[in-house]
C-alpha atoms as a PDB file:
ATOM      1  CA  MET A   1      -0.288   0.111  -0.470  1.00  0.00           C
ATOM      2  CA  PRO A   2       1.622   3.141  -1.110  1.00  0.00           C
ATOM      3  CA  ASN A   3       0.741   4.990   1.756  1.00  0.00           C
ATOM      4  CA  GLU A   4       0.847   3.212   4.367  1.00  0.00           C
ATOM      5  CA  ARG A   5       2.367   4.138   7.609  1.00  0.00           C
ATOM      6  CA  HIS A   6       4.582   1.511   9.535  1.00  0.00           C
ATOM      7  CA  ILE A   7       4.967   1.790  13.250  1.00  0.00           C
ATOM      8  CA  LEU A   8       7.000  -0.444  15.060  1.00  0.00           C
ATOM      9  CA  LEU A   9       6.039  -1.057  18.643  1.00  0.00           C
ATOM     10  CA  LEU A  10       8.824  -1.253  21.397  1.00  0.00           C
ATOM     11  CA  THR A  11       8.011  -2.807  25.046  1.00  0.00           C
ATOM     12  CA  GLY A  12      10.136  -2.069  27.872  1.00  0.00           C
ATOM     13  CA  SER A  13       9.101  -5.667  29.061  1.00  0.00           C
ATOM     14  CA  LEU A  14      10.734  -9.022  29.329  1.00  0.00           C
ATOM     15  CA  ARG A  15       7.961 -10.614  30.911  1.00  0.00           C
ATOM     16  CA  ALA A  16       5.892 -12.792  28.742  1.00  0.00           C
ATOM     17  CA  GLY A  17       2.089 -11.769  28.546  1.00  0.00           C
ATOM     18  CA  SER A  18       3.430  -8.321  30.509  1.00  0.00           C
ATOM     19  CA  SER A  19       0.665  -5.120  30.694  1.00  0.00           C
ATOM     20  CA  ASN A  20       2.955  -3.504  28.190  1.00  0.00           C
ATOM     21  CA  GLU A  21       3.185  -6.348  25.873  1.00  0.00           C
ATOM     22  CA  THR A  22      -0.584  -6.711  26.071  1.00  0.00           C
ATOM     23  CA  VAL A  23      -1.218  -3.290  25.004  1.00  0.00           C
ATOM     24  CA  LEU A  24       1.291  -3.413  22.072  1.00  0.00           C
ATOM     25  CA  ARG A  25      -0.418  -6.651  20.953  1.00  0.00           C
ATOM     26  CA  THR A  26      -3.700  -5.081  20.865  1.00  0.00           C
ATOM     27  CA  ALA A  27      -1.965  -1.970  18.925  1.00  0.00           C
ATOM     28  CA  GLU A  28      -1.041  -4.652  16.709  1.00  0.00           C
ATOM     29  CA  ALA A  29      -3.998  -5.955  16.177  1.00  0.00           C
ATOM     30  CA  LEU A  30      -6.006  -3.052  15.805  1.00  0.00           C
ATOM     31  CA  ALA A  31      -3.594  -1.511  13.220  1.00  0.00           C
ATOM     32  CA  ALA A  32      -4.193  -4.329  11.161  1.00  0.00           C
ATOM     33  CA  GLY A  33      -7.654  -3.679  10.835  1.00  0.00           C
ATOM     34  CA  ALA A  34      -6.738  -0.247  10.013  1.00  0.00           C
ATOM     35  CA  PRO A  35      -6.446   0.813   6.168  1.00  0.00           C
ATOM     36  CA  GLY A  36      -2.903   2.144   5.185  1.00  0.00           C
ATOM     37  CA  LEU A  37      -1.775   1.629   8.863  1.00  0.00           C
ATOM     38  CA  ARG A  38       0.896  -1.346   9.913  1.00  0.00           C
ATOM     39  CA  ALA A  39       2.279  -2.714  13.167  1.00  0.00           C
ATOM     40  CA  THR A  40       5.129  -4.513  14.044  1.00  0.00           C
ATOM     41  CA  TYR A  41       5.794  -6.032  17.391  1.00  0.00           C
ATOM     42  CA  PHE A  42       9.950  -5.966  17.979  1.00  0.00           C
ATOM     43  CA  GLU A  43      10.759  -9.187  19.320  1.00  0.00           C
ATOM     44  CA  GLY A  44      14.451  -8.484  19.958  1.00  0.00           C
ATOM     45  CA  LEU A  45      15.184  -6.753  22.857  1.00  0.00           C
ATOM     46  CA  ALA A  46      16.527 -10.245  24.614  1.00  0.00           C
ATOM     47  CA  ASP A  47      19.243 -10.463  22.195  1.00  0.00           C
ATOM     48  CA  LEU A  48      20.451  -7.304  22.838  1.00  0.00           C
ATOM     49  CA  PRO A  49      24.107  -7.338  23.849  1.00  0.00           C
ATOM     50  CA  HIS A  50      25.281  -4.927  26.647  1.00  0.00           C
ATOM     51  CA  PHE A  51      25.836  -1.617  25.202  1.00  0.00           C
ATOM     52  CA  ASN A  52      29.162  -0.957  24.626  1.00  0.00           C
ATOM     53  CA  PRO A  53      30.699   1.798  22.652  1.00  0.00           C
ATOM     54  CA  ASP A  54      33.604  -0.128  21.311  1.00  0.00           C
ATOM     55  CA  HIS A  55      31.057  -2.460  20.133  1.00  0.00           C
ATOM     56  CA  ASP A  56      28.909   0.301  18.111  1.00  0.00           C
ATOM     57  CA  THR A  57      31.060  -0.233  14.522  1.00  0.00           C
ATOM     58  CA  ASP A  58      30.708  -2.372  12.155  1.00  0.00           C
ATOM     59  CA  PRO A  59      30.020  -4.969  11.780  1.00  0.00           C
ATOM     60  CA  LEU A  60      26.980  -4.276  14.060  1.00  0.00           C
ATOM     61  CA  PRO A  61      26.515  -7.003  16.305  1.00  0.00           C
ATOM     62  CA  GLU A  62      23.493  -9.368  14.396  1.00  0.00           C
ATOM     63  CA  ALA A  63      20.466  -8.417  17.201  1.00  0.00           C
ATOM     64  CA  VAL A  64      21.612  -4.673  17.242  1.00  0.00           C
ATOM     65  CA  ALA A  65      21.509  -4.799  13.460  1.00  0.00           C
ATOM     66  CA  ALA A  66      18.048  -6.190  13.322  1.00  0.00           C
ATOM     67  CA  LEU A  67      16.942  -3.254  16.170  1.00  0.00           C
ATOM     68  CA  ARG A  68      18.553  -0.713  13.553  1.00  0.00           C
ATOM     69  CA  ALA A  69      17.010  -1.912  10.384  1.00  0.00           C
ATOM     70  CA  ALA A  70      13.288  -2.384  12.179  1.00  0.00           C
ATOM     71  CA  VAL A  71      13.591   1.170  13.393  1.00  0.00           C
ATOM     72  CA  GLU A  72      15.026   2.291   9.874  1.00  0.00           C
ATOM     73  CA  ALA A  73      12.305   0.557   8.008  1.00  0.00           C
ATOM     74  CA  ALA A  74       9.318   2.126  10.256  1.00  0.00           C
ATOM     75  CA  ASP A  75       7.510   5.801   9.861  1.00  0.00           C
ATOM     76  CA  ALA A  76       7.287   5.612  14.091  1.00  0.00           C
ATOM     77  CA  LEU A  77       7.617   4.220  17.216  1.00  0.00           C
ATOM     78  CA  LEU A  78       5.489   3.410  19.960  1.00  0.00           C
ATOM     79  CA  ILE A  79       6.376   2.292  23.268  1.00  0.00           C
ATOM     80  CA  CYS A  80       4.985   0.581  25.875  1.00  0.00           C
ATOM     81  CA  THR A  81       7.399  -0.078  28.952  1.00  0.00           C
ATOM     82  CA  PRO A  82       7.130  -0.499  33.049  1.00  0.00           C
ATOM     83  CA  GLU A  83       9.149   1.330  35.525  1.00  0.00           C
ATOM     84  CA  TYR A  84      11.314  -0.123  37.595  1.00  0.00           C
ATOM     85  CA  ALA A  85      13.312   1.767  40.618  1.00  0.00           C
ATOM     86  CA  GLY A  86      12.287   5.344  39.255  1.00  0.00           C
ATOM     87  CA  THR A  87      13.020   4.974  35.481  1.00  0.00           C
ATOM     88  CA  LEU A  88      13.296   2.472  32.827  1.00  0.00           C
ATOM     89  CA  PRO A  89      14.183  -1.114  32.899  1.00  0.00           C
ATOM     90  CA  GLY A  90      18.033  -1.495  32.687  1.00  0.00           C
ATOM     91  CA  SER A  91      16.976  -3.593  28.908  1.00  0.00           C
ATOM     92  CA  PHE A  92      15.429  -0.884  27.660  1.00  0.00           C
ATOM     93  CA  LYS A  93      17.613   1.234  28.282  1.00  0.00           C
ATOM     94  CA  ASN A  94      19.979  -0.477  26.645  1.00  0.00           C
ATOM     95  CA  LEU A  95      18.033  -1.033  23.639  1.00  0.00           C
ATOM     96  CA  LEU A  96      17.818   3.032  23.425  1.00  0.00           C
ATOM     97  CA  ASP A  97      21.544   3.075  24.029  1.00  0.00           C
ATOM     98  CA  TRP A  98      22.181   1.131  20.805  1.00  0.00           C
ATOM     99  CA  THR A  99      20.109   3.477  18.747  1.00  0.00           C
ATOM    100  CA  VAL A 100      22.006   6.548  19.752  1.00  0.00           C
ATOM    101  CA  GLY A 101      25.134   6.021  17.603  1.00  0.00           C
ATOM    102  CA  GLY A 102      22.632   5.457  14.635  1.00  0.00           C
ATOM    103  CA  VAL A 103      20.939   7.847  12.390  1.00  0.00           C
ATOM    104  CA  GLU A 104      17.673   5.846  12.075  1.00  0.00           C
ATOM    105  CA  ILE A 105      15.566   7.383  15.058  1.00  0.00           C
ATOM    106  CA  SER A 106      16.851  11.235  14.177  1.00  0.00           C
ATOM    107  CA  ASP A 107      13.487  12.687  13.230  1.00  0.00           C
ATOM    108  CA  LYS A 108      11.459   9.951  13.488  1.00  0.00           C
ATOM    109  CA  PRO A 109       7.744  10.126  15.498  1.00  0.00           C
ATOM    110  CA  ALA A 110       7.900   8.527  18.825  1.00  0.00           C
ATOM    111  CA  ALA A 111       5.098   8.436  21.396  1.00  0.00           C
ATOM    112  CA  TRP A 112       4.648   5.706  24.607  1.00  0.00           C
ATOM    113  CA  ILE A 113       1.383   4.500  26.649  1.00  0.00           C
ATOM    114  CA  ASN A 114       1.914   4.349  29.812  1.00  0.00           C
ATOM    115  CA  CYS A 115      -0.394   1.456  31.151  1.00  0.00           C
ATOM    116  CA  ALA A 116       0.786   1.343  34.758  1.00  0.00           C
ATOM    117  CA  ALA A 117      -1.558   1.879  37.503  1.00  0.00           C
ATOM    118  CA  PRO A 118      -2.348   5.835  38.808  1.00  0.00           C
ATOM    119  CA  GLY A 119       0.420   7.504  40.496  1.00  0.00           C
ATOM    120  CA  ARG A 120       2.853   5.003  38.748  1.00  0.00           C
ATOM    121  CA  GLY A 121       5.444   5.158  35.797  1.00  0.00           C
ATOM    122  CA  GLU A 122       6.162   8.968  36.178  1.00  0.00           C
ATOM    123  CA  GLY A 123       9.705   8.161  36.067  1.00  0.00           C
ATOM    124  CA  ALA A 124      10.088   5.777  33.403  1.00  0.00           C
ATOM    125  CA  GLU A 125       7.838   8.839  31.482  1.00  0.00           C
ATOM    126  CA  ALA A 126      11.092  11.330  32.223  1.00  0.00           C
ATOM    127  CA  THR A 127      13.662   9.123  31.281  1.00  0.00           C
ATOM    128  CA  LEU A 128      12.040   8.094  28.139  1.00  0.00           C
ATOM    129  CA  ARG A 129      11.674  11.824  27.005  1.00  0.00           C
ATOM    130  CA  ALA A 130      15.279  12.540  27.924  1.00  0.00           C
ATOM    131  CA  VAL A 131      16.628   9.772  26.024  1.00  0.00           C
ATOM    132  CA  LEU A 132      14.374  10.276  23.397  1.00  0.00           C
ATOM    133  CA  GLY A 133      15.812  13.592  22.946  1.00  0.00           C
ATOM    134  CA  TYR A 134      19.556  12.321  22.646  1.00  0.00           C
ATOM    135  CA  THR A 135      18.338  10.245  20.028  1.00  0.00           C
ATOM    136  CA  GLY A 136      16.744  12.471  18.084  1.00  0.00           C
ATOM    137  CA  ALA A 137      13.285  11.108  17.908  1.00  0.00           C
ATOM    138  CA  ALA A 138      10.133  13.615  17.454  1.00  0.00           C
ATOM    139  CA  VAL A 139       8.522  12.913  20.416  1.00  0.00           C
ATOM    140  CA  VAL A 140       4.591  13.538  19.524  1.00  0.00           C
ATOM    141  CA  ASP A 141       3.051  14.608  22.713  1.00  0.00           C
ATOM    142  CA  ALA A 142      -0.708  14.222  21.765  1.00  0.00           C
ATOM    143  CA  ALA A 143       0.152  10.675  20.859  1.00  0.00           C
ATOM    144  CA  CYS A 144       1.830   9.800  24.891  1.00  0.00           C
ATOM    145  CA  VAL A 145      -0.895   8.807  26.945  1.00  0.00           C
ATOM    146  CA  ARG A 146      -1.775   7.103  30.273  1.00  0.00           C
ATOM    147  CA  ILE A 147      -3.913   4.271  29.727  1.00  0.00           C
ATOM    148  CA  PRO A 148      -4.310   2.466  32.963  1.00  0.00           C
ATOM    149  CA  LEU A 149      -4.835  -1.453  32.086  1.00  0.00           C
ATOM    150  CA  ASP A 150      -7.012  -3.672  34.690  1.00  0.00           C
ATOM    151  CA  ARG A 151      -6.138  -6.882  34.237  1.00  0.00           C
ATOM    152  CA  GLY A 152      -9.808  -7.712  34.050  1.00  0.00           C
ATOM    153  CA  ALA A 153      -9.810  -5.674  30.615  1.00  0.00           C
ATOM    154  CA  VAL A 154      -7.978  -8.664  28.758  1.00  0.00           C
ATOM    155  CA  GLY A 155      -9.325 -11.205  26.719  1.00  0.00           C
ATOM    156  CA  ALA A 156      -9.020 -15.117  26.668  1.00  0.00           C
ATOM    157  CA  ASP A 157      -7.015 -13.946  23.442  1.00  0.00           C
ATOM    158  CA  GLY A 158      -4.637 -12.003  25.403  1.00  0.00           C
ATOM    159  CA  LEU A 159      -5.530  -8.883  23.647  1.00  0.00           C
ATOM    160  CA  ILE A 160      -7.548  -6.155  25.288  1.00  0.00           C
ATOM    161  CA  ALA A 161     -11.338  -6.633  24.959  1.00  0.00           C
ATOM    162  CA  ASP A 162     -12.559  -3.539  26.645  1.00  0.00           C
ATOM    163  CA  PRO A 163     -13.983  -1.131  24.034  1.00  0.00           C
ATOM    164  CA  LEU A 164     -13.102   1.987  25.312  1.00  0.00           C
ATOM    165  CA  VAL A 165      -9.686   0.953  26.385  1.00  0.00           C
ATOM    166  CA  ARG A 166      -9.266  -0.260  22.443  1.00  0.00           C
ATOM    167  CA  GLU A 167     -10.694   2.551  21.139  1.00  0.00           C
ATOM    168  CA  ARG A 168      -7.979   5.238  23.115  1.00  0.00           C
ATOM    169  CA  ILE A 169      -5.310   2.733  21.798  1.00  0.00           C
ATOM    170  CA  GLY A 170      -6.649   3.078  18.648  1.00  0.00           C
ATOM    171  CA  GLU A 171      -6.176   7.429  18.744  1.00  0.00           C
ATOM    172  CA  VAL A 172      -2.796   6.723  20.016  1.00  0.00           C
ATOM    173  CA  LEU A 173      -2.016   5.064  16.699  1.00  0.00           C
ATOM    174  CA  THR A 174      -4.125   7.604  14.392  1.00  0.00           C
ATOM    175  CA  ARG A 175      -2.326  10.510  15.948  1.00  0.00           C
ATOM    176  CA  LEU A 176       1.260   9.016  15.609  1.00  0.00           C
ATOM    177  CA  ALA A 177       0.607   7.610  12.016  1.00  0.00           C
ATOM    178  CA  ALA A 178      -0.618  11.379  11.313  1.00  0.00           C
ATOM    179  CA  ALA A 179       2.642  12.899  12.721  1.00  0.00           C
END
């Protein structure tokens, strides 16, 4: 599709079936039903080596090359990450560190959904905004939202079943795709 917008979905959680993964898998499913929109869930977080500037040279480690290729191929990034100890999880900060040395993320629209319970997640949001600034990403404030996830809203298929929550996620995708 010539005008298709591709959004790369990045989770900060390594836990299978986490709330963050659930939000992004739901976004992926919603995008599949939206004309002109495609979303791809990045599977390689656990495969990335620890960031070392000495290894940020060609040839890049295979997992890093795959990450940068996925970022390059996307029109925008949508992130959903937990907060650990008041900031981003180390594994997700590591993913972002690997994008600093490349140019793939520069000027790319980026947003996040914070699905933490009320009163939680502000530290991760602040750190995410700062790190995305270093990478050169263009944060789309209108698409950065809080959508607390009640695990009771998740259907048997592992996706969010609540129509209001799905609508809000769809609005995020629309705003990000329009950026």
